[in-house]
Amino acid sequence: MSHSHHSVNLDSIKKMNTRLLSVALSKDEQDWQSVLHTHHFTEIFFVLEGKGNFLFCEGTRSIRTGDLIIIPPYIEHTEQSIPGTALKYYVLGIDGITFQTKYDTAMAQIYCNFDNHSIIATLFDQIYYEIKADQYGSDQICQNLLEVLLLRIIRTKQLIPISTNSVKMSKECSQIKEFLDTNYASHITLDTLTDLTHMNKYYMAHSFTKFTGLSPIQYLNRKRMEAACHLLTHTDHSISNIAALTGFSSQSYFTQAFRKFHHMTPIQYRQTHARS
């Protein structure tokens, strides 16, 4: 006779105060318009099959089967399939928690890849099965499976859970965001935002970065790039005029910043979009 006994210590890990809000299974066959959008909660996106791109305002990341992306609240994002390799994916909406990497605490969204992703895929499958079944205890089972999933992700990828109560948008951050969204073409500095909110400059910048994942100046540059891309795509304005309309001090600086952001010049961006 053999016998193996193991004690269980449920107090060794702090309980995660998170709640499952939604479960979705989608397949992007490019029959709908993919646009940047945000949520007030964290999303966990898992690729079951296919290849494509995950888009954020500051750049694009290729994704494939087995990839998992964690998107914090209020981060603009969307996904697109590559023609001929439609993305099929799960998306979970969860409240109360987000994550940061152990070695790069400045990173907003997090990319993980699981070479042996069957365990992760199975947990998503079970959550989706239960939410569709809608039987006695289904919601609780889904919540428990979510906690198992999060623990496996944290353990495998060495992530640090962060309560989203600490990244809720304050009244001042909301005021800054609205001001930048509306006045991005103006000359704006940190002093401008300090005068607007009557906050300490460094505390203001830190609070805004905690909320959006970007510093106020990074967010401003992103808004300017969004506006520039729209003008390049939908108008015949000259490059110099677009630079002026979007708050850049000169055409050369605009071209330099645009190339760094999009890895092509404004003219190349316009030509590429025209061809497609």
C-alpha atoms as a PDB file:
ATOM      1  CA  MET A   1       0.000   0.000   0.000  1.00  0.00           C
ATOM      2  CA  SER A   2       1.261   3.464  -0.859  1.00  0.00           C
ATOM      3  CA  HIS A   3      -0.004   6.712   0.574  1.00  0.00           C
ATOM      4  CA  SER A   4       0.707  10.337  -0.256  1.00  0.00           C
ATOM      5  CA  HIS A   5      -0.688  13.182   1.801  1.00  0.00           C
ATOM      6  CA  HIS A   6      -0.423  16.915   1.047  1.00  0.00           C
ATOM      7  CA  SER A   7      -1.682  19.818   3.127  1.00  0.00           C
ATOM      8  CA  VAL A   8      -3.582  22.684   1.525  1.00  0.00           C
ATOM      9  CA  ASN A   9      -2.815  26.282   2.504  1.00  0.00           C
ATOM     10  CA  LEU A  10      -5.497  28.595   1.124  1.00  0.00           C
ATOM     11  CA  ASP A  11      -3.933  31.609   2.844  1.00  0.00           C
ATOM     12  CA  SER A  12      -0.646  31.490   0.916  1.00  0.00           C
ATOM     13  CA  ILE A  13      -1.987  33.669  -1.936  1.00  0.00           C
ATOM     14  CA  LYS A  14      -3.951  36.869  -1.530  1.00  0.00           C
ATOM     15  CA  LYS A  15      -7.450  36.478  -2.959  1.00  0.00           C
ATOM     16  CA  MET A  16      -8.007  38.290  -6.244  1.00  0.00           C
ATOM     17  CA  ASN A  17     -11.037  40.545  -6.075  1.00  0.00           C
ATOM     18  CA  THR A  18     -12.113  40.130  -9.661  1.00  0.00           C
ATOM     19  CA  ARG A  19     -15.449  39.390 -11.291  1.00  0.00           C
ATOM     20  CA  LEU A  20     -16.256  37.852 -14.661  1.00  0.00           C
ATOM     21  CA  LEU A  21     -18.451  40.240 -16.639  1.00  0.00           C
ATOM     22  CA  SER A  22     -18.739  38.663 -20.085  1.00  0.00           C
ATOM     23  CA  VAL A  23     -17.610  35.790 -22.298  1.00  0.00           C
ATOM     24  CA  ALA A  24     -17.481  35.896 -26.098  1.00  0.00           C
ATOM     25  CA  LEU A  25     -16.338  33.591 -28.892  1.00  0.00           C
ATOM     26  CA  SER A  26     -15.746  35.329 -32.222  1.00  0.00           C
ATOM     27  CA  LYS A  27     -14.367  34.702 -35.683  1.00  0.00           C
ATOM     28  CA  ASP A  28     -13.147  37.680 -37.687  1.00  0.00           C
ATOM     29  CA  GLU A  29     -13.738  36.957 -41.358  1.00  0.00           C
ATOM     30  CA  GLN A  30     -13.305  40.646 -42.228  1.00  0.00           C
ATOM     31  CA  ASP A  31     -17.045  41.096 -42.688  1.00  0.00           C
ATOM     32  CA  TRP A  32     -17.270  43.869 -40.094  1.00  0.00           C
ATOM     33  CA  GLN A  33     -15.566  47.206 -39.532  1.00  0.00           C
ATOM     34  CA  SER A  34     -12.714  46.950 -37.054  1.00  0.00           C
ATOM     35  CA  VAL A  35     -12.327  50.235 -35.155  1.00  0.00           C
ATOM     36  CA  LEU A  36     -10.337  51.296 -32.122  1.00  0.00           C
ATOM     37  CA  HIS A  37     -12.446  51.200 -28.970  1.00  0.00           C
ATOM     38  CA  THR A  38     -12.110  51.097 -25.182  1.00  0.00           C
ATOM     39  CA  HIS A  39     -13.759  49.410 -22.190  1.00  0.00           C
ATOM     40  CA  HIS A  40     -14.018  50.377 -18.537  1.00  0.00           C
ATOM     41  CA  PHE A  41     -12.890  46.855 -17.599  1.00  0.00           C
ATOM     42  CA  THR A  42      -9.958  44.564 -18.384  1.00  0.00           C
ATOM     43  CA  GLU A  43     -10.189  42.252 -21.408  1.00  0.00           C
ATOM     44  CA  ILE A  44      -8.397  38.930 -21.873  1.00  0.00           C
ATOM     45  CA  PHE A  45      -8.134  37.989 -25.536  1.00  0.00           C
ATOM     46  CA  PHE A  46      -7.038  34.446 -26.499  1.00  0.00           C
ATOM     47  CA  VAL A  47      -6.380  33.311 -30.083  1.00  0.00           C
ATOM     48  CA  LEU A  48      -7.755  29.841 -30.788  1.00  0.00           C
ATOM     49  CA  GLU A  49      -6.712  29.774 -34.443  1.00  0.00           C
ATOM     50  CA  GLY A  50      -5.612  31.992 -37.304  1.00  0.00           C
ATOM     51  CA  LYS A  51      -3.232  34.913 -37.696  1.00  0.00           C
ATOM     52  CA  GLY A  52      -3.746  38.639 -37.563  1.00  0.00           C
ATOM     53  CA  ASN A  53      -2.790  41.895 -35.927  1.00  0.00           C
ATOM     54  CA  PHE A  54      -3.669  43.544 -32.673  1.00  0.00           C
ATOM     55  CA  LEU A  55      -3.847  47.303 -33.064  1.00  0.00           C
ATOM     56  CA  PHE A  56      -3.245  49.992 -30.484  1.00  0.00           C
ATOM     57  CA  CYS A  57      -2.876  53.689 -31.172  1.00  0.00           C
ATOM     58  CA  GLU A  58       0.858  53.519 -30.573  1.00  0.00           C
ATOM     59  CA  GLY A  59       1.479  50.549 -32.845  1.00  0.00           C
ATOM     60  CA  THR A  60       0.577  47.116 -34.169  1.00  0.00           C
ATOM     61  CA  ARG A  61       1.508  43.630 -32.974  1.00  0.00           C
ATOM     62  CA  SER A  62       1.144  40.428 -34.992  1.00  0.00           C
ATOM     63  CA  ILE A  63      -0.749  37.633 -33.232  1.00  0.00           C
ATOM     64  CA  ARG A  64      -1.271  33.932 -33.887  1.00  0.00           C
ATOM     65  CA  THR A  65      -2.709  30.760 -32.373  1.00  0.00           C
ATOM     66  CA  GLY A  66      -1.844  30.476 -28.678  1.00  0.00           C
ATOM     67  CA  ASP A  67      -1.341  34.193 -28.096  1.00  0.00           C
ATOM     68  CA  LEU A  68      -3.044  35.833 -25.153  1.00  0.00           C
ATOM     69  CA  ILE A  69      -3.387  39.592 -24.808  1.00  0.00           C
ATOM     70  CA  ILE A  70      -4.403  41.404 -21.634  1.00  0.00           C
ATOM     71  CA  ILE A  71      -5.858  44.864 -22.305  1.00  0.00           C
ATOM     72  CA  PRO A  72      -6.241  47.172 -19.286  1.00  0.00           C
ATOM     73  CA  PRO A  73      -9.263  49.461 -18.886  1.00  0.00           C
ATOM     74  CA  TYR A  74      -9.521  52.535 -21.142  1.00  0.00           C
ATOM     75  CA  ILE A  75      -6.791  51.413 -23.594  1.00  0.00           C
ATOM     76  CA  GLU A  76      -7.895  51.861 -27.225  1.00  0.00           C
ATOM     77  CA  HIS A  77      -7.503  48.655 -29.228  1.00  0.00           C
ATOM     78  CA  THR A  78      -8.901  46.430 -31.951  1.00  0.00           C
ATOM     79  CA  GLU A  79      -7.982  43.268 -33.843  1.00  0.00           C
ATOM     80  CA  GLN A  80      -7.791  42.363 -37.528  1.00  0.00           C
ATOM     81  CA  SER A  81      -7.394  39.058 -39.350  1.00  0.00           C
ATOM     82  CA  ILE A  82      -4.852  38.541 -42.100  1.00  0.00           C
ATOM     83  CA  PRO A  83      -6.725  37.647 -45.333  1.00  0.00           C
ATOM     84  CA  GLY A  84      -7.025  33.880 -45.667  1.00  0.00           C
ATOM     85  CA  THR A  85      -6.202  33.207 -41.981  1.00  0.00           C
ATOM     86  CA  ALA A  86      -9.313  34.292 -40.076  1.00  0.00           C
ATOM     87  CA  LEU A  87      -8.820  34.861 -36.361  1.00  0.00           C
ATOM     88  CA  LYS A  88     -10.971  32.802 -34.023  1.00  0.00           C
ATOM     89  CA  TYR A  89     -10.739  33.960 -30.451  1.00  0.00           C
ATOM     90  CA  TYR A  90     -12.233  34.139 -26.978  1.00  0.00           C
ATOM     91  CA  VAL A  91     -12.637  37.418 -25.123  1.00  0.00           C
ATOM     92  CA  LEU A  92     -13.307  37.653 -21.385  1.00  0.00           C
ATOM     93  CA  GLY A  93     -14.376  40.900 -19.745  1.00  0.00           C
ATOM     94  CA  ILE A  94     -13.259  41.047 -16.115  1.00  0.00           C
ATOM     95  CA  ASP A  95     -13.685  43.737 -13.496  1.00  0.00           C
ATOM     96  CA  GLY A  96     -11.582  44.705 -10.498  1.00  0.00           C
ATOM     97  CA  ILE A  97      -8.130  43.687 -11.687  1.00  0.00           C
ATOM     98  CA  THR A  98      -5.480  44.217 -14.316  1.00  0.00           C
ATOM     99  CA  PHE A  99      -1.832  43.166 -14.531  1.00  0.00           C
ATOM    100  CA  GLN A 100       1.689  44.367 -15.123  1.00  0.00           C
ATOM    101  CA  THR A 101       4.806  42.439 -16.029  1.00  0.00           C
ATOM    102  CA  LYS A 102       7.427  41.737 -13.422  1.00  0.00           C
ATOM    103  CA  TYR A 103      10.219  43.267 -15.482  1.00  0.00           C
ATOM    104  CA  ASP A 104       8.459  46.058 -17.392  1.00  0.00           C
ATOM    105  CA  THR A 105       6.060  47.871 -15.100  1.00  0.00           C
ATOM    106  CA  ALA A 106       5.603  50.662 -17.637  1.00  0.00           C
ATOM    107  CA  MET A 107       3.936  48.345 -20.164  1.00  0.00           C
ATOM    108  CA  ALA A 108       0.181  48.780 -20.519  1.00  0.00           C
ATOM    109  CA  GLN A 109      -1.117  45.855 -22.583  1.00  0.00           C
ATOM    110  CA  ILE A 110       0.553  42.472 -22.051  1.00  0.00           C
ATOM    111  CA  TYR A 111       1.296  39.807 -24.669  1.00  0.00           C
ATOM    112  CA  CYS A 112       1.751  36.167 -23.707  1.00  0.00           C
ATOM    113  CA  ASN A 113       2.295  33.114 -25.881  1.00  0.00           C
ATOM    114  CA  PHE A 114       1.725  29.568 -24.705  1.00  0.00           C
ATOM    115  CA  ASP A 115       3.599  27.017 -26.800  1.00  0.00           C
ATOM    116  CA  ASN A 116       1.548  24.284 -25.156  1.00  0.00           C
ATOM    117  CA  HIS A 117      -1.666  26.250 -25.042  1.00  0.00           C
ATOM    118  CA  SER A 118      -4.106  23.348 -24.720  1.00  0.00           C
ATOM    119  CA  ILE A 119      -4.513  23.834 -20.944  1.00  0.00           C
ATOM    120  CA  ILE A 120      -5.331  27.516 -21.402  1.00  0.00           C
ATOM    121  CA  ALA A 121      -7.643  26.785 -24.342  1.00  0.00           C
ATOM    122  CA  THR A 122      -9.447  24.127 -22.292  1.00  0.00           C
ATOM    123  CA  LEU A 123     -10.164  26.614 -19.493  1.00  0.00           C
ATOM    124  CA  PHE A 124     -11.627  29.073 -22.006  1.00  0.00           C
ATOM    125  CA  ASP A 125     -13.681  26.226 -23.535  1.00  0.00           C
ATOM    126  CA  GLN A 126     -15.061  25.256 -20.129  1.00  0.00           C
ATOM    127  CA  ILE A 127     -15.973  28.844 -19.269  1.00  0.00           C
ATOM    128  CA  TYR A 128     -17.741  29.260 -22.606  1.00  0.00           C
ATOM    129  CA  TYR A 129     -19.550  25.910 -22.235  1.00  0.00           C
ATOM    130  CA  GLU A 130     -20.865  26.853 -18.797  1.00  0.00           C
ATOM    131  CA  ILE A 131     -21.990  30.349 -19.780  1.00  0.00           C
ATOM    132  CA  LYS A 132     -23.902  28.894 -22.755  1.00  0.00           C
ATOM    133  CA  ALA A 133     -25.403  26.079 -20.671  1.00  0.00           C
ATOM    134  CA  ASP A 134     -26.831  28.613 -18.200  1.00  0.00           C
ATOM    135  CA  GLN A 135     -27.662  25.925 -15.668  1.00  0.00           C
ATOM    136  CA  TYR A 136     -27.710  25.903 -11.886  1.00  0.00           C
ATOM    137  CA  GLY A 137     -24.332  27.097 -10.654  1.00  0.00           C
ATOM    138  CA  SER A 138     -23.025  28.061 -14.124  1.00  0.00           C
ATOM    139  CA  ASP A 139     -22.120  31.616 -13.128  1.00  0.00           C
ATOM    140  CA  GLN A 140     -20.236  30.429 -10.052  1.00  0.00           C
ATOM    141  CA  ILE A 141     -18.410  27.726 -12.021  1.00  0.00           C
ATOM    142  CA  CYS A 142     -17.383  30.348 -14.609  1.00  0.00           C
ATOM    143  CA  GLN A 143     -16.103  32.615 -11.827  1.00  0.00           C
ATOM    144  CA  ASN A 144     -14.094  29.777 -10.285  1.00  0.00           C
ATOM    145  CA  LEU A 145     -12.659  28.763 -13.673  1.00  0.00           C
ATOM    146  CA  LEU A 146     -11.661  32.390 -14.264  1.00  0.00           C
ATOM    147  CA  GLU A 147      -9.647  32.385 -11.038  1.00  0.00           C
ATOM    148  CA  VAL A 148      -7.910  29.151 -12.107  1.00  0.00           C
ATOM    149  CA  LEU A 149      -7.132  30.713 -15.495  1.00  0.00           C
ATOM    150  CA  LEU A 150      -5.718  33.881 -13.942  1.00  0.00           C
ATOM    151  CA  LEU A 151      -3.541  31.931 -11.525  1.00  0.00           C
ATOM    152  CA  ARG A 152      -2.109  29.856 -14.386  1.00  0.00           C
ATOM    153  CA  ILE A 153      -1.373  32.991 -16.416  1.00  0.00           C
ATOM    154  CA  ILE A 154       0.240  34.743 -13.434  1.00  0.00           C
ATOM    155  CA  ARG A 155       2.314  31.705 -12.526  1.00  0.00           C
ATOM    156  CA  THR A 156       3.473  30.973 -16.077  1.00  0.00           C
ATOM    157  CA  LYS A 157       4.212  34.544 -17.160  1.00  0.00           C
ATOM    158  CA  GLN A 158       5.238  36.035 -13.797  1.00  0.00           C
ATOM    159  CA  LEU A 159       2.654  38.805 -13.857  1.00  0.00           C
ATOM    160  CA  ILE A 160       1.712  41.093 -10.982  1.00  0.00           C
ATOM    161  CA  PRO A 161      -2.035  41.545 -10.346  1.00  0.00           C
ATOM    162  CA  ILE A 162      -3.082  45.174  -9.823  1.00  0.00           C
ATOM    163  CA  SER A 163      -6.411  46.255  -8.389  1.00  0.00           C
ATOM    164  CA  THR A 164      -8.166  48.518 -10.882  1.00  0.00           C
ATOM    165  CA  ASN A 165      -9.463  50.537  -7.950  1.00  0.00           C
ATOM    166  CA  SER A 166      -6.012  52.142  -8.053  1.00  0.00           C
ATOM    167  CA  VAL A 167      -6.327  53.071 -11.735  1.00  0.00           C
ATOM    168  CA  LYS A 168      -9.844  54.481 -11.785  1.00  0.00           C
ATOM    169  CA  MET A 169     -10.047  57.753 -13.648  1.00  0.00           C
ATOM    170  CA  SER A 170     -10.109  60.692 -11.270  1.00  0.00           C
ATOM    171  CA  LYS A 171     -12.030  63.858 -12.041  1.00  0.00           C
ATOM    172  CA  GLU A 172      -8.724  65.585 -12.867  1.00  0.00           C
ATOM    173  CA  CYS A 173      -7.550  62.800 -15.206  1.00  0.00           C
ATOM    174  CA  SER A 174     -10.889  62.884 -16.981  1.00  0.00           C
ATOM    175  CA  GLN A 175     -10.517  66.644 -17.360  1.00  0.00           C
ATOM    176  CA  ILE A 176      -7.025  66.256 -18.827  1.00  0.00           C
ATOM    177  CA  LYS A 177      -8.132  63.565 -21.260  1.00  0.00           C
ATOM    178  CA  GLU A 178     -11.071  65.638 -22.470  1.00  0.00           C
ATOM    179  CA  PHE A 179      -8.823  68.692 -22.873  1.00  0.00           C
ATOM    180  CA  LEU A 180      -6.231  66.746 -24.901  1.00  0.00           C
ATOM    181  CA  ASP A 181      -8.899  65.110 -27.059  1.00  0.00           C
ATOM    182  CA  THR A 182     -10.311  68.535 -27.927  1.00  0.00           C
ATOM    183  CA  ASN A 183      -7.213  70.753 -28.076  1.00  0.00           C
ATOM    184  CA  TYR A 184      -4.502  68.453 -29.465  1.00  0.00           C
ATOM    185  CA  ALA A 185      -3.731  70.951 -32.256  1.00  0.00           C
ATOM    186  CA  SER A 186      -2.721  73.608 -29.714  1.00  0.00           C
ATOM    187  CA  HIS A 187       0.671  74.073 -28.076  1.00  0.00           C
ATOM    188  CA  ILE A 188       0.361  72.031 -24.875  1.00  0.00           C
ATOM    189  CA  THR A 189       2.938  71.377 -22.162  1.00  0.00           C
ATOM    190  CA  LEU A 190       2.793  69.812 -18.707  1.00  0.00           C
ATOM    191  CA  ASP A 191       2.531  73.346 -17.330  1.00  0.00           C
ATOM    192  CA  THR A 192      -0.616  73.829 -19.432  1.00  0.00           C
ATOM    193  CA  LEU A 193      -2.200  70.797 -17.783  1.00  0.00           C
ATOM    194  CA  THR A 194      -0.975  71.824 -14.330  1.00  0.00           C
ATOM    195  CA  ASP A 195      -2.682  75.201 -14.718  1.00  0.00           C
ATOM    196  CA  LEU A 196      -5.825  73.431 -15.919  1.00  0.00           C
ATOM    197  CA  THR A 197      -6.114  71.042 -12.967  1.00  0.00           C
ATOM    198  CA  HIS A 198      -4.227  72.959 -10.217  1.00  0.00           C
ATOM    199  CA  MET A 199      -2.375  69.729  -9.430  1.00  0.00           C
ATOM    200  CA  ASN A 200       1.290  69.173  -8.698  1.00  0.00           C
ATOM    201  CA  LYS A 201       2.981  68.590 -12.059  1.00  0.00           C
ATOM    202  CA  TYR A 202       4.626  65.293 -11.175  1.00  0.00           C
ATOM    203  CA  TYR A 203       1.623  63.881  -9.304  1.00  0.00           C
ATOM    204  CA  MET A 204      -0.617  64.887 -12.209  1.00  0.00           C
ATOM    205  CA  ALA A 205       1.628  63.136 -14.755  1.00  0.00           C
ATOM    206  CA  HIS A 206       1.921  60.037 -12.572  1.00  0.00           C
ATOM    207  CA  SER A 207      -1.853  59.819 -12.007  1.00  0.00           C
ATOM    208  CA  PHE A 208      -2.647  60.222 -15.694  1.00  0.00           C
ATOM    209  CA  THR A 209      -0.054  57.597 -16.667  1.00  0.00           C
ATOM    210  CA  LYS A 210      -1.465  55.147 -14.123  1.00  0.00           C
ATOM    211  CA  PHE A 211      -4.932  55.594 -15.615  1.00  0.00           C
ATOM    212  CA  THR A 212      -4.165  55.539 -19.351  1.00  0.00           C
ATOM    213  CA  GLY A 213      -0.865  53.646 -19.549  1.00  0.00           C
ATOM    214  CA  LEU A 214       0.592  56.713 -21.281  1.00  0.00           C
ATOM    215  CA  SER A 215       2.077  59.954 -20.028  1.00  0.00           C
ATOM    216  CA  PRO A 216       0.099  63.105 -20.890  1.00  0.00           C
ATOM    217  CA  ILE A 217       2.598  63.989 -23.640  1.00  0.00           C
ATOM    218  CA  GLN A 218       2.547  60.449 -25.069  1.00  0.00           C
ATOM    219  CA  TYR A 219      -1.261  60.569 -25.084  1.00  0.00           C
ATOM    220  CA  LEU A 220      -1.170  63.974 -26.801  1.00  0.00           C
ATOM    221  CA  ASN A 221       1.181  62.676 -29.496  1.00  0.00           C
ATOM    222  CA  ARG A 222      -1.069  59.663 -30.027  1.00  0.00           C
ATOM    223  CA  LYS A 223      -4.115  61.903 -30.539  1.00  0.00           C
ATOM    224  CA  ARG A 224      -2.149  64.008 -33.006  1.00  0.00           C
ATOM    225  CA  MET A 225      -1.140  60.889 -34.932  1.00  0.00           C
ATOM    226  CA  GLU A 226      -4.749  59.686 -35.043  1.00  0.00           C
ATOM    227  CA  ALA A 227      -5.856  63.029 -36.447  1.00  0.00           C
ATOM    228  CA  ALA A 228      -2.986  63.070 -38.957  1.00  0.00           C
ATOM    229  CA  CYS A 229      -3.851  59.579 -40.212  1.00  0.00           C
ATOM    230  CA  HIS A 230      -7.469  60.620 -40.673  1.00  0.00           C
ATOM    231  CA  LEU A 231      -6.461  63.715 -42.647  1.00  0.00           C
ATOM    232  CA  LEU A 232      -3.992  61.745 -44.783  1.00  0.00           C
ATOM    233  CA  THR A 233      -6.674  59.185 -45.571  1.00  0.00           C
ATOM    234  CA  HIS A 234      -9.734  61.365 -46.039  1.00  0.00           C
ATOM    235  CA  THR A 235      -8.465  64.727 -47.338  1.00  0.00           C
ATOM    236  CA  ASP A 236      -6.160  66.170 -49.972  1.00  0.00           C
ATOM    237  CA  HIS A 237      -4.431  68.531 -47.553  1.00  0.00           C
ATOM    238  CA  SER A 238      -0.712  68.943 -48.092  1.00  0.00           C
ATOM    239  CA  ILE A 239       1.713  67.367 -45.606  1.00  0.00           C
ATOM    240  CA  SER A 240       2.716  70.791 -44.292  1.00  0.00           C
ATOM    241  CA  ASN A 241      -0.927  71.741 -43.770  1.00  0.00           C
ATOM    242  CA  ILE A 242      -1.657  68.492 -41.948  1.00  0.00           C
ATOM    243  CA  ALA A 243       1.368  69.104 -39.711  1.00  0.00           C
ATOM    244  CA  ALA A 244      -0.015  72.519 -38.784  1.00  0.00           C
ATOM    245  CA  LEU A 245      -3.567  71.250 -38.278  1.00  0.00           C
ATOM    246  CA  THR A 246      -2.424  68.549 -35.864  1.00  0.00           C
ATOM    247  CA  GLY A 247      -0.187  70.666 -33.664  1.00  0.00           C
ATOM    248  CA  PHE A 248       3.288  69.918 -35.014  1.00  0.00           C
ATOM    249  CA  SER A 249       5.717  72.834 -35.109  1.00  0.00           C
ATOM    250  CA  SER A 250       7.046  72.021 -38.587  1.00  0.00           C
ATOM    251  CA  GLN A 251       6.613  69.622 -41.474  1.00  0.00           C
ATOM    252  CA  SER A 252      10.052  68.086 -40.897  1.00  0.00           C
ATOM    253  CA  TYR A 253       9.299  67.375 -37.234  1.00  0.00           C
ATOM    254  CA  PHE A 254       5.908  65.924 -38.188  1.00  0.00           C
ATOM    255  CA  THR A 255       7.511  63.632 -40.783  1.00  0.00           C
ATOM    256  CA  GLN A 256      10.169  62.520 -38.306  1.00  0.00           C
ATOM    257  CA  ALA A 257       7.589  61.785 -35.585  1.00  0.00           C
ATOM    258  CA  PHE A 258       5.237  60.052 -38.018  1.00  0.00           C
ATOM    259  CA  ARG A 259       8.022  57.796 -39.342  1.00  0.00           C
ATOM    260  CA  LYS A 260       9.000  56.818 -35.802  1.00  0.00           C
ATOM    261  CA  PHE A 261       5.383  56.042 -34.923  1.00  0.00           C
ATOM    262  CA  HIS A 262       4.243  54.251 -38.104  1.00  0.00           C
ATOM    263  CA  HIS A 263       7.578  53.156 -39.645  1.00  0.00           C
ATOM    264  CA  MET A 264       6.785  55.027 -42.854  1.00  0.00           C
ATOM    265  CA  THR A 265       6.524  58.623 -43.990  1.00  0.00           C
ATOM    266  CA  PRO A 266       3.180  60.461 -44.204  1.00  0.00           C
ATOM    267  CA  ILE A 267       3.355  60.301 -48.012  1.00  0.00           C
ATOM    268  CA  GLN A 268       3.972  56.540 -47.932  1.00  0.00           C
ATOM    269  CA  TYR A 269       1.059  56.140 -45.503  1.00  0.00           C
ATOM    270  CA  ARG A 270      -1.244  58.044 -47.854  1.00  0.00           C
ATOM    271  CA  GLN A 271      -0.064  56.050 -50.869  1.00  0.00           C
ATOM    272  CA  THR A 272      -0.403  52.717 -49.068  1.00  0.00           C
ATOM    273  CA  HIS A 273      -3.918  53.496 -47.992  1.00  0.00           C
ATOM    274  CA  ALA A 274      -4.839  54.684 -51.484  1.00  0.00           C
ATOM    275  CA  ARG A 275      -3.660  51.377 -52.976  1.00  0.00           C
ATOM    276  CA  SER A 276      -5.700  49.336 -50.492  1.00  0.00           C
END
